[in-house]
Amino acid sequence: MFEVALVDAVFHGEVATAEIRDWLSHVETLLLRRQDFLFMASTAEGATFSKDYRAVQAQWYRQHKAAFHQHCRGLVRIAHSAQEQARLDTPALHAAWGVPYAVVTDRAGAYEWLVQRMECLHDQT
């Protein structure tokens, strides 16, 4: 049986550290269950993040990197502008995530990429 979860993280408004920790704990639950998943993330234009969100995310990623690489079967970011797409779609970020990674400009493109990933994963089983 082929099963993969979809994590859809949508950040908008003022994103507090507690919210960052909350979505990371949801991902951690998937990792503890050894559940494969696809990750889709978007940040609404004008959203702001707590000043320590990068440090929180980086610490979590260091702690869970091996499991994340094993169970995250793909990560797609939805950019709200061409400028954001250029900022997010760099060789350094592709390498840093260590999983199949794409940056698109709308949800339709994200779903299209996710379907392609699911087809690849299904073909591997």
Protein backbone atom coordinates (compact mmCIF):
# COMPACT_ATOMS: atom_id res chain seq x y z
CA MET A 1 0.00 0.00 0.00
CA PHE A 2 1.25 3.45 -0.93
CA GLU A 3 0.44 6.23 1.54
CA VAL A 4 1.78 9.76 1.80
CA ALA A 5 0.47 12.67 3.89
CA LEU A 6 0.22 16.26 2.70
CA VAL A 7 1.36 19.05 4.99
CA ASP A 8 -0.01 22.43 3.87
CA ALA A 9 1.57 25.29 5.84
CA VAL A 10 0.06 28.70 5.10
CA PHE A 11 1.60 31.64 6.93
CA HIS A 12 -0.26 34.95 7.10
CA GLY A 13 -0.52 37.96 9.35
CA GLU A 14 1.83 38.07 12.31
CA VAL A 15 3.35 34.61 12.71
CA ALA A 16 4.39 34.06 16.32
CA THR A 17 7.11 31.71 17.55
CA ALA A 18 4.42 29.51 19.11
CA GLU A 19 2.83 29.03 15.67
CA ILE A 20 6.19 28.04 14.18
CA ARG A 21 6.73 25.53 16.97
CA ASP A 22 3.19 24.21 16.47
CA TRP A 23 3.62 23.37 12.79
CA LEU A 24 7.06 21.91 13.46
CA SER A 25 5.50 19.64 16.09
CA HIS A 26 2.99 18.41 13.50
CA VAL A 27 5.85 17.53 11.16
CA GLU A 28 7.71 15.91 14.05
CA THR A 29 4.67 13.72 14.74
CA LEU A 30 4.84 12.47 11.14
CA LEU A 31 8.55 11.76 11.56
CA LEU A 32 7.98 9.84 14.79
CA ARG A 33 5.31 7.75 13.04
CA ARG A 34 7.72 7.21 10.14
CA GLN A 35 5.03 8.63 7.86
CA ASP A 36 6.12 9.79 4.43
CA PHE A 37 4.77 13.22 3.50
CA LEU A 38 4.83 15.99 0.94
CA PHE A 39 5.18 19.55 2.19
CA MET A 40 3.54 22.60 0.60
CA ALA A 41 4.25 26.01 2.10
CA SER A 42 3.12 29.52 1.29
CA THR A 43 3.54 32.88 2.92
CA ALA A 44 0.90 35.53 2.27
CA GLU A 45 2.12 38.87 1.07
CA GLY A 46 2.66 41.14 4.04
CA ALA A 47 3.10 38.32 6.56
CA THR A 48 5.62 38.94 9.30
CA PHE A 49 7.50 36.40 11.39
CA SER A 50 8.73 36.57 14.97
CA LYS A 51 12.35 37.67 15.16
CA ASP A 52 13.55 34.23 16.29
CA TYR A 53 11.64 32.05 13.81
CA ARG A 54 14.72 31.27 11.71
CA ALA A 55 16.68 30.16 14.77
CA VAL A 56 13.77 27.98 15.95
CA GLN A 57 13.38 26.43 12.51
CA ALA A 58 17.14 25.90 12.08
CA GLN A 59 17.48 24.23 15.49
CA TRP A 60 14.54 21.93 14.75
CA TYR A 61 15.93 21.07 11.32
CA ARG A 62 19.37 20.19 12.74
CA GLN A 63 17.73 17.86 15.26
CA HIS A 64 15.47 16.16 12.71
CA LYS A 65 17.45 16.43 9.48
CA ALA A 66 18.02 12.70 8.93
CA ALA A 67 14.38 11.77 9.54
CA PHE A 68 13.20 14.74 7.47
CA HIS A 69 15.34 13.62 4.54
CA GLN A 70 14.00 10.09 4.88
CA HIS A 71 10.29 10.93 5.13
CA CYS A 72 9.78 14.25 3.35
CA ARG A 73 9.20 13.11 -0.23
CA GLY A 74 9.11 16.64 -1.63
CA LEU A 75 8.75 20.28 -0.66
CA VAL A 76 7.05 22.90 -2.80
CA ARG A 77 6.99 26.60 -1.93
CA ILE A 78 4.37 28.95 -3.35
CA ALA A 79 5.88 32.38 -3.97
CA HIS A 80 3.55 35.38 -4.15
CA SER A 81 5.76 37.27 -6.61
CA ALA A 82 8.50 36.75 -9.16
CA GLN A 83 10.94 38.42 -6.73
CA GLU A 84 10.06 35.98 -3.97
CA GLN A 85 10.34 33.08 -6.41
CA ALA A 86 13.85 34.22 -7.38
CA ARG A 87 14.81 34.51 -3.68
CA LEU A 88 13.50 31.03 -2.83
CA ASP A 89 14.51 29.13 -5.97
CA THR A 90 18.29 29.05 -5.55
CA PRO A 91 20.79 26.21 -5.79
CA ALA A 92 21.70 26.85 -2.14
CA LEU A 93 18.13 26.30 -0.95
CA HIS A 94 17.71 23.22 -3.15
CA ALA A 95 20.86 21.78 -1.55
CA ALA A 96 19.96 22.90 1.97
CA TRP A 97 16.59 21.14 2.01
CA GLY A 98 18.07 17.92 0.69
CA VAL A 99 14.72 16.69 -0.70
CA PRO A 100 13.04 17.29 -4.06
CA TYR A 101 12.24 21.01 -3.95
CA ALA A 102 10.35 23.39 -6.20
CA VAL A 103 9.16 26.98 -6.11
CA VAL A 104 6.03 27.92 -8.03
CA THR A 105 3.87 31.05 -8.16
CA ASP A 106 0.40 29.64 -7.47
CA ARG A 107 -1.46 26.81 -5.74
CA ALA A 108 -2.38 25.20 -9.06
CA GLY A 109 1.31 24.91 -9.92
CA ALA A 110 2.01 23.50 -6.45
CA TYR A 111 -0.67 20.84 -6.82
CA GLU A 112 0.62 19.97 -10.28
CA TRP A 113 4.14 19.50 -8.86
CA LEU A 114 2.75 17.42 -5.96
CA VAL A 115 0.86 15.15 -8.36
CA GLN A 116 4.06 14.63 -10.37
CA ARG A 117 5.93 13.74 -7.16
CA MET A 118 3.18 11.29 -6.16
CA GLU A 119 3.39 9.65 -9.57
CA CYS A 120 7.19 9.31 -9.19
CA LEU A 121 6.78 7.85 -5.72
CA HIS A 122 4.11 5.44 -6.86
CA ASP A 123 6.36 4.28 -9.72
CA GLN A 124 9.13 3.58 -7.18
CA THR A 125 6.94 1.17 -5.18
